[in-house]
Amino acid sequence: MSDAPNSPQITTILARVRLGRPEAVDELLPLVYAELHRIAQNALRGERPDHTLQPTALVHEAYVRLLQGQTPVFADRAHFLGVASRLMRQILVDYARARRTQKRGSYLQVPLESEAGITPPHGDLLELDEALDKLAREDQRLVRLIEMRYFAGMTAEETAEARSESVHAIRHDLRYAQARLRRLLA
């Protein structure tokens, strides 16, 4: 993510979107589609193999939700992708709730994979969402870090760069957030 040569171009287009220029929305999708698709694949990675929601459909649904209604305000590419990953998570949660309501199958499992030997929590997507909501009531920042790292697939370095924080602080806070999630899921 950090080596995105079109990042300044995306930020400029996002500023035009914010000003309400409809042509800017059309210019944005081709520049961010590959990254959105990668985020969607990452979000669906832990789902069951026969999941009916595919990465392309998830990208399109998130994009529609991102740009529907009032004019969106995104500071830059990282902010846009962070919001997109949060929306994809919510779409998957909505999908899981609908599936549970229909009583058609077992719980959806979402393993969060990690680098540097940090073991993330495993669990049902709806339980994970509830735990993230509880954690958000305590510390929104920790939830944003989890979303950026595990749902958007950003490395600790990319997250640190996007948030203008040190990599050491990000890694520390991610370990703390994971521990809090484990407790909330237990």
N, C-alpha and C. Protein backbone atom coordinates (compact mmCIF):
# COMPACT_ATOMS: atom_id res chain seq x y z
N MET A 1 0.81 -1.20 0.00
CA MET A 1 0.00 0.00 0.00
C MET A 1 0.85 1.26 0.00
N SER A 2 1.96 1.23 0.69
CA SER A 2 2.77 2.43 0.82
C SER A 2 3.42 2.85 -0.48
N ASP A 3 3.62 1.90 -1.41
CA ASP A 3 4.25 2.26 -2.65
C ASP A 3 3.20 2.52 -3.74
N ALA A 4 2.27 3.39 -3.43
CA ALA A 4 1.22 3.75 -4.38
C ALA A 4 1.62 5.05 -5.06
N PRO A 5 2.13 4.96 -6.31
CA PRO A 5 2.58 6.16 -6.99
C PRO A 5 1.47 7.16 -7.26
N ASN A 6 0.23 6.69 -7.30
CA ASN A 6 -0.87 7.59 -7.61
C ASN A 6 -1.53 8.17 -6.36
N SER A 7 -0.90 8.03 -5.20
CA SER A 7 -1.46 8.53 -3.96
C SER A 7 -1.76 10.03 -3.99
N PRO A 8 -0.83 10.88 -4.46
CA PRO A 8 -1.15 12.32 -4.55
C PRO A 8 -2.31 12.58 -5.53
N GLN A 9 -2.34 11.82 -6.61
CA GLN A 9 -3.42 11.97 -7.59
C GLN A 9 -4.75 11.59 -6.95
N ILE A 10 -4.76 10.53 -6.16
CA ILE A 10 -5.99 10.09 -5.49
C ILE A 10 -6.45 11.16 -4.50
N THR A 11 -5.51 11.73 -3.75
CA THR A 11 -5.85 12.78 -2.80
C THR A 11 -6.45 13.98 -3.51
N THR A 12 -5.91 14.34 -4.67
CA THR A 12 -6.45 15.45 -5.46
C THR A 12 -7.87 15.14 -5.93
N ILE A 13 -8.08 13.92 -6.41
CA ILE A 13 -9.41 13.53 -6.88
C ILE A 13 -10.40 13.51 -5.71
N LEU A 14 -9.96 13.02 -4.56
CA LEU A 14 -10.84 13.01 -3.38
C LEU A 14 -11.24 14.43 -2.99
N ALA A 15 -10.34 15.38 -3.15
CA ALA A 15 -10.68 16.78 -2.87
C ALA A 15 -11.75 17.26 -3.85
N ARG A 16 -11.66 16.85 -5.10
CA ARG A 16 -12.68 17.22 -6.08
C ARG A 16 -14.01 16.54 -5.79
N VAL A 17 -13.96 15.29 -5.31
CA VAL A 17 -15.20 14.59 -4.91
C VAL A 17 -15.86 15.37 -3.79
N ARG A 18 -15.05 15.81 -2.83
CA ARG A 18 -15.55 16.58 -1.68
C ARG A 18 -16.23 17.87 -2.12
N LEU A 19 -15.75 18.44 -3.23
CA LEU A 19 -16.35 19.66 -3.77
C LEU A 19 -17.61 19.39 -4.57
N GLY A 20 -17.97 18.10 -4.70
CA GLY A 20 -19.21 17.74 -5.38
C GLY A 20 -19.09 17.61 -6.88
N ARG A 21 -17.90 17.39 -7.38
CA ARG A 21 -17.70 17.24 -8.82
C ARG A 21 -17.94 15.78 -9.22
N PRO A 22 -19.04 15.48 -9.91
CA PRO A 22 -19.40 14.09 -10.23
C PRO A 22 -18.38 13.37 -11.11
N GLU A 23 -17.69 14.08 -11.97
CA GLU A 23 -16.69 13.43 -12.83
C GLU A 23 -15.51 12.89 -12.03
N ALA A 24 -15.28 13.47 -10.86
CA ALA A 24 -14.18 13.00 -10.01
C ALA A 24 -14.44 11.59 -9.50
N VAL A 25 -15.70 11.28 -9.22
CA VAL A 25 -16.06 9.93 -8.76
C VAL A 25 -15.71 8.91 -9.84
N ASP A 26 -15.98 9.26 -11.09
CA ASP A 26 -15.67 8.37 -12.21
C ASP A 26 -14.16 8.16 -12.38
N GLU A 27 -13.38 9.18 -12.06
CA GLU A 27 -11.93 9.08 -12.17
C GLU A 27 -11.33 8.27 -11.02
N LEU A 28 -12.01 8.26 -9.89
CA LEU A 28 -11.46 7.64 -8.69
C LEU A 28 -11.42 6.12 -8.77
N LEU A 29 -12.50 5.50 -9.21
CA LEU A 29 -12.59 4.04 -9.18
C LEU A 29 -11.44 3.33 -9.88
N PRO A 30 -11.07 3.71 -11.09
CA PRO A 30 -9.95 2.99 -11.73
C PRO A 30 -8.64 3.08 -10.94
N LEU A 31 -8.45 4.17 -10.21
CA LEU A 31 -7.21 4.34 -9.46
C LEU A 31 -7.18 3.53 -8.16
N VAL A 32 -8.34 3.27 -7.59
CA VAL A 32 -8.37 2.56 -6.30
C VAL A 32 -8.92 1.14 -6.39
N TYR A 33 -9.39 0.76 -7.57
CA TYR A 33 -10.07 -0.53 -7.70
C TYR A 33 -9.18 -1.71 -7.27
N ALA A 34 -7.95 -1.74 -7.72
CA ALA A 34 -7.07 -2.87 -7.39
C ALA A 34 -6.86 -2.96 -5.88
N GLU A 35 -6.68 -1.82 -5.21
CA GLU A 35 -6.51 -1.85 -3.76
C GLU A 35 -7.79 -2.26 -3.05
N LEU A 36 -8.93 -1.76 -3.53
CA LEU A 36 -10.21 -2.16 -2.94
C LEU A 36 -10.45 -3.66 -3.13
N HIS A 37 -10.09 -4.18 -4.27
CA HIS A 37 -10.26 -5.60 -4.55
C HIS A 37 -9.35 -6.43 -3.62
N ARG A 38 -8.13 -5.96 -3.39
CA ARG A 38 -7.21 -6.65 -2.48
C ARG A 38 -7.77 -6.63 -1.06
N ILE A 39 -8.33 -5.51 -0.64
CA ILE A 39 -8.94 -5.41 0.69
C ILE A 39 -10.11 -6.38 0.79
N ALA A 40 -10.92 -6.45 -0.27
CA ALA A 40 -12.07 -7.37 -0.27
C ALA A 40 -11.61 -8.82 -0.19
N GLN A 41 -10.57 -9.17 -0.95
CA GLN A 41 -10.04 -10.53 -0.88
C GLN A 41 -9.53 -10.83 0.52
N ASN A 42 -8.87 -9.87 1.12
CA ASN A 42 -8.36 -10.02 2.48
C ASN A 42 -9.52 -10.21 3.46
N ALA A 43 -10.57 -9.42 3.30
CA ALA A 43 -11.73 -9.51 4.19
C ALA A 43 -12.44 -10.86 4.05
N LEU A 44 -12.44 -11.40 2.85
CA LEU A 44 -13.13 -12.68 2.60
C LEU A 44 -12.23 -13.89 2.82
N ARG A 45 -10.97 -13.66 3.07
CA ARG A 45 -10.00 -14.74 3.23
C ARG A 45 -10.43 -15.77 4.28
N GLY A 46 -10.99 -15.32 5.37
CA GLY A 46 -11.37 -16.23 6.45
C GLY A 46 -12.76 -16.80 6.33
N GLU A 47 -13.46 -16.45 5.28
CA GLU A 47 -14.83 -16.95 5.11
C GLU A 47 -14.82 -18.38 4.59
N ARG A 48 -15.96 -19.02 4.70
CA ARG A 48 -16.06 -20.40 4.20
C ARG A 48 -15.87 -20.41 2.68
N PRO A 49 -15.38 -21.52 2.13
CA PRO A 49 -15.07 -21.58 0.70
C PRO A 49 -16.27 -21.38 -0.22
N ASP A 50 -17.46 -21.76 0.23
CA ASP A 50 -18.64 -21.62 -0.62
C ASP A 50 -19.40 -20.32 -0.39
N HIS A 51 -18.73 -19.34 0.20
CA HIS A 51 -19.34 -18.04 0.47
C HIS A 51 -19.87 -17.46 -0.84
N THR A 52 -21.12 -17.01 -0.84
CA THR A 52 -21.72 -16.51 -2.08
C THR A 52 -21.30 -15.07 -2.41
N LEU A 53 -20.78 -14.35 -1.43
CA LEU A 53 -20.32 -12.99 -1.68
C LEU A 53 -18.87 -13.05 -2.16
N GLN A 54 -18.61 -12.56 -3.34
CA GLN A 54 -17.28 -12.60 -3.94
C GLN A 54 -16.61 -11.23 -3.78
N PRO A 55 -15.27 -11.17 -3.89
CA PRO A 55 -14.56 -9.90 -3.72
C PRO A 55 -15.08 -8.77 -4.62
N THR A 56 -15.37 -9.07 -5.87
CA THR A 56 -15.85 -8.03 -6.79
C THR A 56 -17.18 -7.45 -6.31
N ALA A 57 -18.09 -8.31 -5.87
CA ALA A 57 -19.38 -7.83 -5.37
C ALA A 57 -19.19 -7.01 -4.10
N LEU A 58 -18.28 -7.45 -3.24
CA LEU A 58 -18.00 -6.71 -2.01
C LEU A 58 -17.43 -5.33 -2.32
N VAL A 59 -16.53 -5.26 -3.29
CA VAL A 59 -15.96 -3.96 -3.71
C VAL A 59 -17.06 -3.04 -4.22
N HIS A 60 -17.92 -3.57 -5.07
CA HIS A 60 -18.97 -2.73 -5.66
C HIS A 60 -19.95 -2.24 -4.61
N GLU A 61 -20.34 -3.14 -3.70
CA GLU A 61 -21.26 -2.73 -2.62
C GLU A 61 -20.62 -1.66 -1.74
N ALA A 62 -19.36 -1.85 -1.38
CA ALA A 62 -18.68 -0.85 -0.55
C ALA A 62 -18.55 0.47 -1.27
N TYR A 63 -18.21 0.43 -2.55
CA TYR A 63 -18.04 1.66 -3.32
C TYR A 63 -19.34 2.44 -3.41
N VAL A 64 -20.43 1.71 -3.64
CA VAL A 64 -21.75 2.36 -3.70
C VAL A 64 -22.06 3.01 -2.35
N ARG A 65 -21.83 2.29 -1.27
CA ARG A 65 -22.11 2.84 0.06
C ARG A 65 -21.20 4.02 0.39
N LEU A 66 -19.95 3.96 -0.06
CA LEU A 66 -19.01 5.05 0.20
C LEU A 66 -19.47 6.36 -0.42
N LEU A 67 -20.03 6.25 -1.61
CA LEU A 67 -20.32 7.46 -2.37
C LEU A 67 -21.80 7.79 -2.48
N GLN A 68 -22.66 7.07 -1.76
CA GLN A 68 -24.09 7.37 -1.82
C GLN A 68 -24.43 8.44 -0.79
N GLY A 69 -25.55 9.07 -0.99
CA GLY A 69 -26.02 10.06 -0.01
C GLY A 69 -25.23 11.34 -0.06
N GLN A 70 -24.83 11.80 1.11
CA GLN A 70 -24.13 13.07 1.19
C GLN A 70 -22.71 12.97 0.66
N THR A 71 -22.15 14.10 0.30
CA THR A 71 -20.81 14.14 -0.26
C THR A 71 -19.80 13.64 0.76
N PRO A 72 -19.04 12.59 0.40
CA PRO A 72 -18.07 12.04 1.34
C PRO A 72 -16.88 12.97 1.53
N VAL A 73 -16.29 12.91 2.71
CA VAL A 73 -15.12 13.73 3.01
C VAL A 73 -13.99 12.79 3.40
N PHE A 74 -13.01 12.65 2.51
CA PHE A 74 -11.85 11.82 2.77
C PHE A 74 -10.62 12.70 2.72
N ALA A 75 -9.78 12.60 3.73
CA ALA A 75 -8.59 13.43 3.79
C ALA A 75 -7.56 13.03 2.73
N ASP A 76 -7.41 11.71 2.54
CA ASP A 76 -6.41 11.21 1.61
C ASP A 76 -6.70 9.76 1.28
N ARG A 77 -5.80 9.13 0.54
CA ARG A 77 -5.96 7.76 0.11
C ARG A 77 -6.09 6.81 1.30
N ALA A 78 -5.25 6.97 2.31
CA ALA A 78 -5.28 6.09 3.48
C ALA A 78 -6.62 6.19 4.20
N HIS A 79 -7.14 7.39 4.33
CA HIS A 79 -8.44 7.59 4.98
C HIS A 79 -9.54 6.92 4.16
N PHE A 80 -9.51 7.12 2.85
CA PHE A 80 -10.50 6.51 1.96
C PHE A 80 -10.47 4.98 2.09
N LEU A 81 -9.27 4.40 2.04
CA LEU A 81 -9.15 2.94 2.13
C LEU A 81 -9.53 2.43 3.51
N GLY A 82 -9.24 3.19 4.55
CA GLY A 82 -9.65 2.80 5.90
C GLY A 82 -11.17 2.76 6.04
N VAL A 83 -11.83 3.77 5.50
CA VAL A 83 -13.29 3.80 5.53
C VAL A 83 -13.86 2.67 4.68
N ALA A 84 -13.24 2.41 3.54
CA ALA A 84 -13.70 1.32 2.67
C ALA A 84 -13.58 -0.03 3.38
N SER A 85 -12.48 -0.24 4.09
CA SER A 85 -12.31 -1.52 4.79
C SER A 85 -13.32 -1.67 5.91
N ARG A 86 -13.62 -0.57 6.60
CA ARG A 86 -14.65 -0.60 7.65
C ARG A 86 -16.01 -0.94 7.06
N LEU A 87 -16.32 -0.35 5.91
CA LEU A 87 -17.59 -0.64 5.24
C LEU A 87 -17.67 -2.11 4.80
N MET A 88 -16.57 -2.62 4.28
CA MET A 88 -16.56 -4.03 3.87
C MET A 88 -16.80 -4.93 5.07
N ARG A 89 -16.19 -4.59 6.19
CA ARG A 89 -16.43 -5.36 7.41
C ARG A 89 -17.91 -5.32 7.75
N GLN A 90 -18.52 -4.14 7.68
CA GLN A 90 -19.94 -4.01 8.02
C GLN A 90 -20.83 -4.78 7.05
N ILE A 91 -20.47 -4.76 5.77
CA ILE A 91 -21.23 -5.53 4.78
C ILE A 91 -21.18 -7.02 5.11
N LEU A 92 -19.99 -7.51 5.47
CA LEU A 92 -19.86 -8.92 5.83
C LEU A 92 -20.63 -9.25 7.10
N VAL A 93 -20.64 -8.33 8.05
CA VAL A 93 -21.40 -8.53 9.29
C VAL A 93 -22.90 -8.57 8.96
N ASP A 94 -23.36 -7.64 8.13
CA ASP A 94 -24.77 -7.64 7.72
C ASP A 94 -25.13 -8.95 7.02
N TYR A 95 -24.24 -9.40 6.17
CA TYR A 95 -24.45 -10.65 5.45
C TYR A 95 -24.54 -11.82 6.45
N ALA A 96 -23.63 -11.84 7.42
CA ALA A 96 -23.63 -12.91 8.43
C ALA A 96 -24.90 -12.87 9.27
N ARG A 97 -25.35 -11.67 9.62
CA ARG A 97 -26.60 -11.56 10.39
C ARG A 97 -27.79 -12.08 9.60
N ALA A 98 -27.84 -11.72 8.33
CA ALA A 98 -28.94 -12.20 7.48
C ALA A 98 -28.87 -13.72 7.35
N ARG A 99 -27.68 -14.24 7.21
CA ARG A 99 -27.51 -15.69 7.09
C ARG A 99 -27.92 -16.39 8.38
N ARG A 100 -27.54 -15.82 9.51
CA ARG A 100 -27.91 -16.42 10.80
C ARG A 100 -29.41 -16.37 10.98
N THR A 101 -30.02 -15.26 10.59
CA THR A 101 -31.46 -15.11 10.69
C THR A 101 -32.18 -16.17 9.87
N GLN A 102 -31.65 -16.47 8.71
CA GLN A 102 -32.24 -17.48 7.85
C GLN A 102 -31.96 -18.90 8.35
N LYS A 103 -31.07 -19.02 9.33
CA LYS A 103 -30.73 -20.31 9.94
C LYS A 103 -30.34 -21.34 8.90
N ARG A 104 -29.49 -20.90 7.97
CA ARG A 104 -29.08 -21.79 6.91
C ARG A 104 -27.73 -22.44 7.16
N GLY A 105 -27.00 -22.02 8.15
CA GLY A 105 -25.67 -22.61 8.26
C GLY A 105 -24.99 -22.29 9.56
N SER A 106 -23.78 -22.73 9.63
CA SER A 106 -22.99 -22.54 10.83
C SER A 106 -22.42 -21.12 10.87
N TYR A 107 -21.76 -20.82 11.95
CA TYR A 107 -21.16 -19.50 12.11
C TYR A 107 -20.05 -19.28 11.10
N LEU A 108 -19.87 -18.04 10.74
CA LEU A 108 -18.81 -17.69 9.81
C LEU A 108 -17.54 -17.43 10.61
N GLN A 109 -16.47 -18.07 10.25
CA GLN A 109 -15.21 -17.94 10.96
C GLN A 109 -14.32 -16.92 10.27
N VAL A 110 -13.68 -16.07 11.05
CA VAL A 110 -12.79 -15.06 10.50
C VAL A 110 -11.47 -15.13 11.23
N PRO A 111 -10.48 -15.84 10.70
CA PRO A 111 -9.17 -15.82 11.36
C PRO A 111 -8.42 -14.56 10.95
N LEU A 112 -7.87 -13.87 11.90
CA LEU A 112 -7.06 -12.70 11.62
C LEU A 112 -5.61 -13.15 11.66
N GLU A 113 -4.94 -13.06 10.52
CA GLU A 113 -3.57 -13.52 10.45
C GLU A 113 -2.64 -12.36 10.72
N SER A 114 -1.48 -12.68 11.27
CA SER A 114 -0.59 -11.63 11.70
C SER A 114 0.85 -11.93 11.34
N GLU A 115 1.65 -10.90 11.37
CA GLU A 115 3.08 -11.02 11.20
C GLU A 115 3.72 -10.92 12.58
N ALA A 116 5.00 -11.13 12.63
CA ALA A 116 5.81 -10.92 13.83
C ALA A 116 5.36 -11.76 15.01
N GLY A 117 4.75 -12.92 14.74
CA GLY A 117 4.41 -13.84 15.81
C GLY A 117 3.27 -13.41 16.71
N ILE A 118 2.54 -12.38 16.33
CA ILE A 118 1.40 -11.94 17.13
C ILE A 118 0.22 -12.80 16.73
N THR A 119 -0.38 -13.48 17.68
CA THR A 119 -1.49 -14.35 17.37
C THR A 119 -2.79 -13.59 17.56
N PRO A 120 -3.52 -13.34 16.49
CA PRO A 120 -4.78 -12.61 16.59
C PRO A 120 -5.90 -13.51 17.06
N PRO A 121 -6.98 -12.92 17.52
CA PRO A 121 -8.12 -13.72 17.97
C PRO A 121 -8.83 -14.36 16.79
N HIS A 122 -9.40 -15.53 17.03
CA HIS A 122 -10.22 -16.20 16.03
C HIS A 122 -11.64 -16.17 16.55
N GLY A 123 -12.59 -16.18 15.67
CA GLY A 123 -13.95 -16.25 16.16
C GLY A 123 -14.99 -16.00 15.11
N ASP A 124 -16.18 -16.14 15.54
CA ASP A 124 -17.35 -15.90 14.72
C ASP A 124 -17.35 -14.43 14.32
N LEU A 125 -17.70 -14.15 13.07
CA LEU A 125 -17.69 -12.77 12.57
C LEU A 125 -18.61 -11.87 13.39
N LEU A 126 -19.77 -12.37 13.77
CA LEU A 126 -20.69 -11.55 14.56
C LEU A 126 -20.16 -11.32 15.96
N GLU A 127 -19.54 -12.34 16.55
CA GLU A 127 -18.92 -12.16 17.86
C GLU A 127 -17.77 -11.17 17.78
N LEU A 128 -16.97 -11.29 16.71
CA LEU A 128 -15.87 -10.36 16.51
C LEU A 128 -16.39 -8.94 16.36
N ASP A 129 -17.46 -8.76 15.61
CA ASP A 129 -18.03 -7.43 15.43
C ASP A 129 -18.52 -6.86 16.76
N GLU A 130 -19.18 -7.70 17.55
CA GLU A 130 -19.64 -7.24 18.87
C GLU A 130 -18.46 -6.86 19.76
N ALA A 131 -17.41 -7.67 19.71
CA ALA A 131 -16.22 -7.36 20.51
C ALA A 131 -15.57 -6.06 20.05
N LEU A 132 -15.51 -5.85 18.74
CA LEU A 132 -14.96 -4.59 18.22
C LEU A 132 -15.82 -3.40 18.63
N ASP A 133 -17.13 -3.58 18.63
CA ASP A 133 -18.02 -2.51 19.09
C ASP A 133 -17.77 -2.18 20.56
N LYS A 134 -17.60 -3.21 21.39
CA LYS A 134 -17.30 -2.99 22.81
C LYS A 134 -15.96 -2.28 22.97
N LEU A 135 -14.97 -2.74 22.20
CA LEU A 135 -13.66 -2.10 22.26
C LEU A 135 -13.73 -0.65 21.80
N ALA A 136 -14.56 -0.38 20.81
CA ALA A 136 -14.71 0.99 20.30
C ALA A 136 -15.28 1.92 21.37
N ARG A 137 -16.13 1.39 22.24
CA ARG A 137 -16.67 2.22 23.33
C ARG A 137 -15.56 2.60 24.30
N GLU A 138 -14.53 1.76 24.39
CA GLU A 138 -13.40 2.05 25.27
C GLU A 138 -12.33 2.88 24.55
N ASP A 139 -12.04 2.49 23.30
CA ASP A 139 -10.95 3.15 22.58
C ASP A 139 -11.14 2.98 21.07
N GLN A 140 -11.70 3.99 20.41
CA GLN A 140 -11.94 3.97 18.96
C GLN A 140 -10.65 3.75 18.18
N ARG A 141 -9.57 4.33 18.68
CA ARG A 141 -8.29 4.26 17.97
C ARG A 141 -7.83 2.82 17.80
N LEU A 142 -8.00 2.00 18.84
CA LEU A 142 -7.59 0.60 18.76
C LEU A 142 -8.39 -0.14 17.69
N VAL A 143 -9.66 0.15 17.58
CA VAL A 143 -10.49 -0.49 16.56
C VAL A 143 -10.03 -0.07 15.17
N ARG A 144 -9.70 1.20 14.99
CA ARG A 144 -9.21 1.67 13.69
C ARG A 144 -7.92 0.96 13.32
N LEU A 145 -7.05 0.75 14.30
CA LEU A 145 -5.80 0.03 14.04
C LEU A 145 -6.08 -1.40 13.60
N ILE A 146 -6.99 -2.07 14.29
CA ILE A 146 -7.37 -3.44 13.93
C ILE A 146 -7.94 -3.46 12.51
N GLU A 147 -8.81 -2.52 12.20
CA GLU A 147 -9.41 -2.47 10.86
C GLU A 147 -8.35 -2.24 9.79
N MET A 148 -7.44 -1.31 10.05
CA MET A 148 -6.41 -1.01 9.06
C MET A 148 -5.49 -2.21 8.86
N ARG A 149 -5.13 -2.87 9.96
CA ARG A 149 -4.18 -3.97 9.87
C ARG A 149 -4.81 -5.24 9.31
N TYR A 150 -5.94 -5.65 9.86
CA TYR A 150 -6.48 -6.96 9.52
C TYR A 150 -7.56 -6.93 8.43
N PHE A 151 -8.35 -5.88 8.39
CA PHE A 151 -9.39 -5.84 7.38
C PHE A 151 -8.88 -5.18 6.09
N ALA A 152 -8.05 -4.15 6.22
CA ALA A 152 -7.49 -3.51 5.03
C ALA A 152 -6.18 -4.16 4.61
N GLY A 153 -5.58 -4.96 5.49
CA GLY A 153 -4.34 -5.66 5.16
C GLY A 153 -3.11 -4.77 5.16
N MET A 154 -3.18 -3.63 5.82
CA MET A 154 -2.03 -2.73 5.88
C MET A 154 -1.00 -3.28 6.85
N THR A 155 0.27 -3.12 6.52
CA THR A 155 1.34 -3.52 7.42
C THR A 155 1.41 -2.51 8.57
N ALA A 156 2.18 -2.86 9.59
CA ALA A 156 2.37 -1.92 10.71
C ALA A 156 3.03 -0.64 10.20
N GLU A 157 3.96 -0.79 9.26
CA GLU A 157 4.65 0.37 8.70
C GLU A 157 3.67 1.28 7.94
N GLU A 158 2.80 0.67 7.13
CA GLU A 158 1.83 1.45 6.36
C GLU A 158 0.82 2.12 7.29
N THR A 159 0.41 1.40 8.32
CA THR A 159 -0.52 1.98 9.30
C THR A 159 0.13 3.15 10.01
N ALA A 160 1.39 2.98 10.41
CA ALA A 160 2.12 4.06 11.09
C ALA A 160 2.23 5.28 10.17
N GLU A 161 2.55 5.03 8.91
CA GLU A 161 2.66 6.14 7.96
C GLU A 161 1.32 6.85 7.77
N ALA A 162 0.26 6.07 7.62
CA ALA A 162 -1.06 6.66 7.40
C ALA A 162 -1.53 7.46 8.61
N ARG A 163 -1.15 7.01 9.81
CA ARG A 163 -1.60 7.67 11.03
C ARG A 163 -0.58 8.66 11.57
N SER A 164 0.55 8.79 10.91
CA SER A 164 1.63 9.68 11.36
C SER A 164 2.06 9.34 12.79
N GLU A 165 2.27 8.05 13.02
CA GLU A 165 2.71 7.57 14.33
C GLU A 165 3.91 6.67 14.12
N SER A 166 4.59 6.34 15.20
CA SER A 166 5.76 5.47 15.08
C SER A 166 5.32 4.02 14.90
N VAL A 167 6.14 3.27 14.18
CA VAL A 167 5.86 1.85 13.95
C VAL A 167 5.86 1.11 15.29
N HIS A 168 6.78 1.49 16.16
CA HIS A 168 6.84 0.85 17.48
C HIS A 168 5.52 1.04 18.24
N ALA A 169 4.99 2.24 18.22
CA ALA A 169 3.72 2.51 18.92
C ALA A 169 2.57 1.73 18.29
N ILE A 170 2.55 1.66 16.97
CA ILE A 170 1.49 0.92 16.28
C ILE A 170 1.56 -0.56 16.65
N ARG A 171 2.75 -1.15 16.59
CA ARG A 171 2.89 -2.57 16.94
C ARG A 171 2.48 -2.83 18.39
N HIS A 172 2.89 -1.96 19.28
CA HIS A 172 2.53 -2.09 20.70
C HIS A 172 1.01 -2.03 20.87
N ASP A 173 0.41 -1.03 20.24
CA ASP A 173 -1.04 -0.84 20.38
C ASP A 173 -1.82 -1.97 19.70
N LEU A 174 -1.30 -2.52 18.62
CA LEU A 174 -1.96 -3.66 17.98
C LEU A 174 -1.93 -4.88 18.90
N ARG A 175 -0.79 -5.12 19.56
CA ARG A 175 -0.72 -6.24 20.51
C ARG A 175 -1.71 -6.03 21.65
N TYR A 176 -1.79 -4.79 22.14
CA TYR A 176 -2.74 -4.49 23.21
C TYR A 176 -4.18 -4.68 22.73
N ALA A 177 -4.48 -4.20 21.53
CA ALA A 177 -5.84 -4.34 20.98
C ALA A 177 -6.19 -5.82 20.81
N GLN A 178 -5.24 -6.61 20.35
CA GLN A 178 -5.49 -8.06 20.20
C GLN A 178 -5.77 -8.71 21.56
N ALA A 179 -5.03 -8.33 22.57
CA ALA A 179 -5.25 -8.88 23.90
C ALA A 179 -6.63 -8.49 24.41
N ARG A 180 -7.01 -7.25 24.20
CA ARG A 180 -8.33 -6.79 24.62
C ARG A 180 -9.43 -7.56 23.88
N LEU A 181 -9.23 -7.78 22.58
CA LEU A 181 -10.21 -8.53 21.81
C LEU A 181 -10.32 -9.97 22.31
N ARG A 182 -9.18 -10.59 22.61
CA ARG A 182 -9.22 -11.95 23.14
C ARG A 182 -10.05 -12.01 24.41
N ARG A 183 -9.85 -11.04 25.28
CA ARG A 183 -10.62 -10.99 26.54
C ARG A 183 -12.10 -10.81 26.26
N LEU A 184 -12.42 -9.92 25.34
CA LEU A 184 -13.82 -9.65 25.02
C LEU A 184 -14.49 -10.85 24.34
N LEU A 185 -13.71 -11.62 23.62
CA LEU A 185 -14.24 -12.80 22.93
C LEU A 185 -14.31 -14.02 23.84
N ALA A 186 -13.58 -13.98 24.96
CA ALA A 186 -13.54 -15.14 25.86
C ALA A 186 -14.82 -15.25 26.68
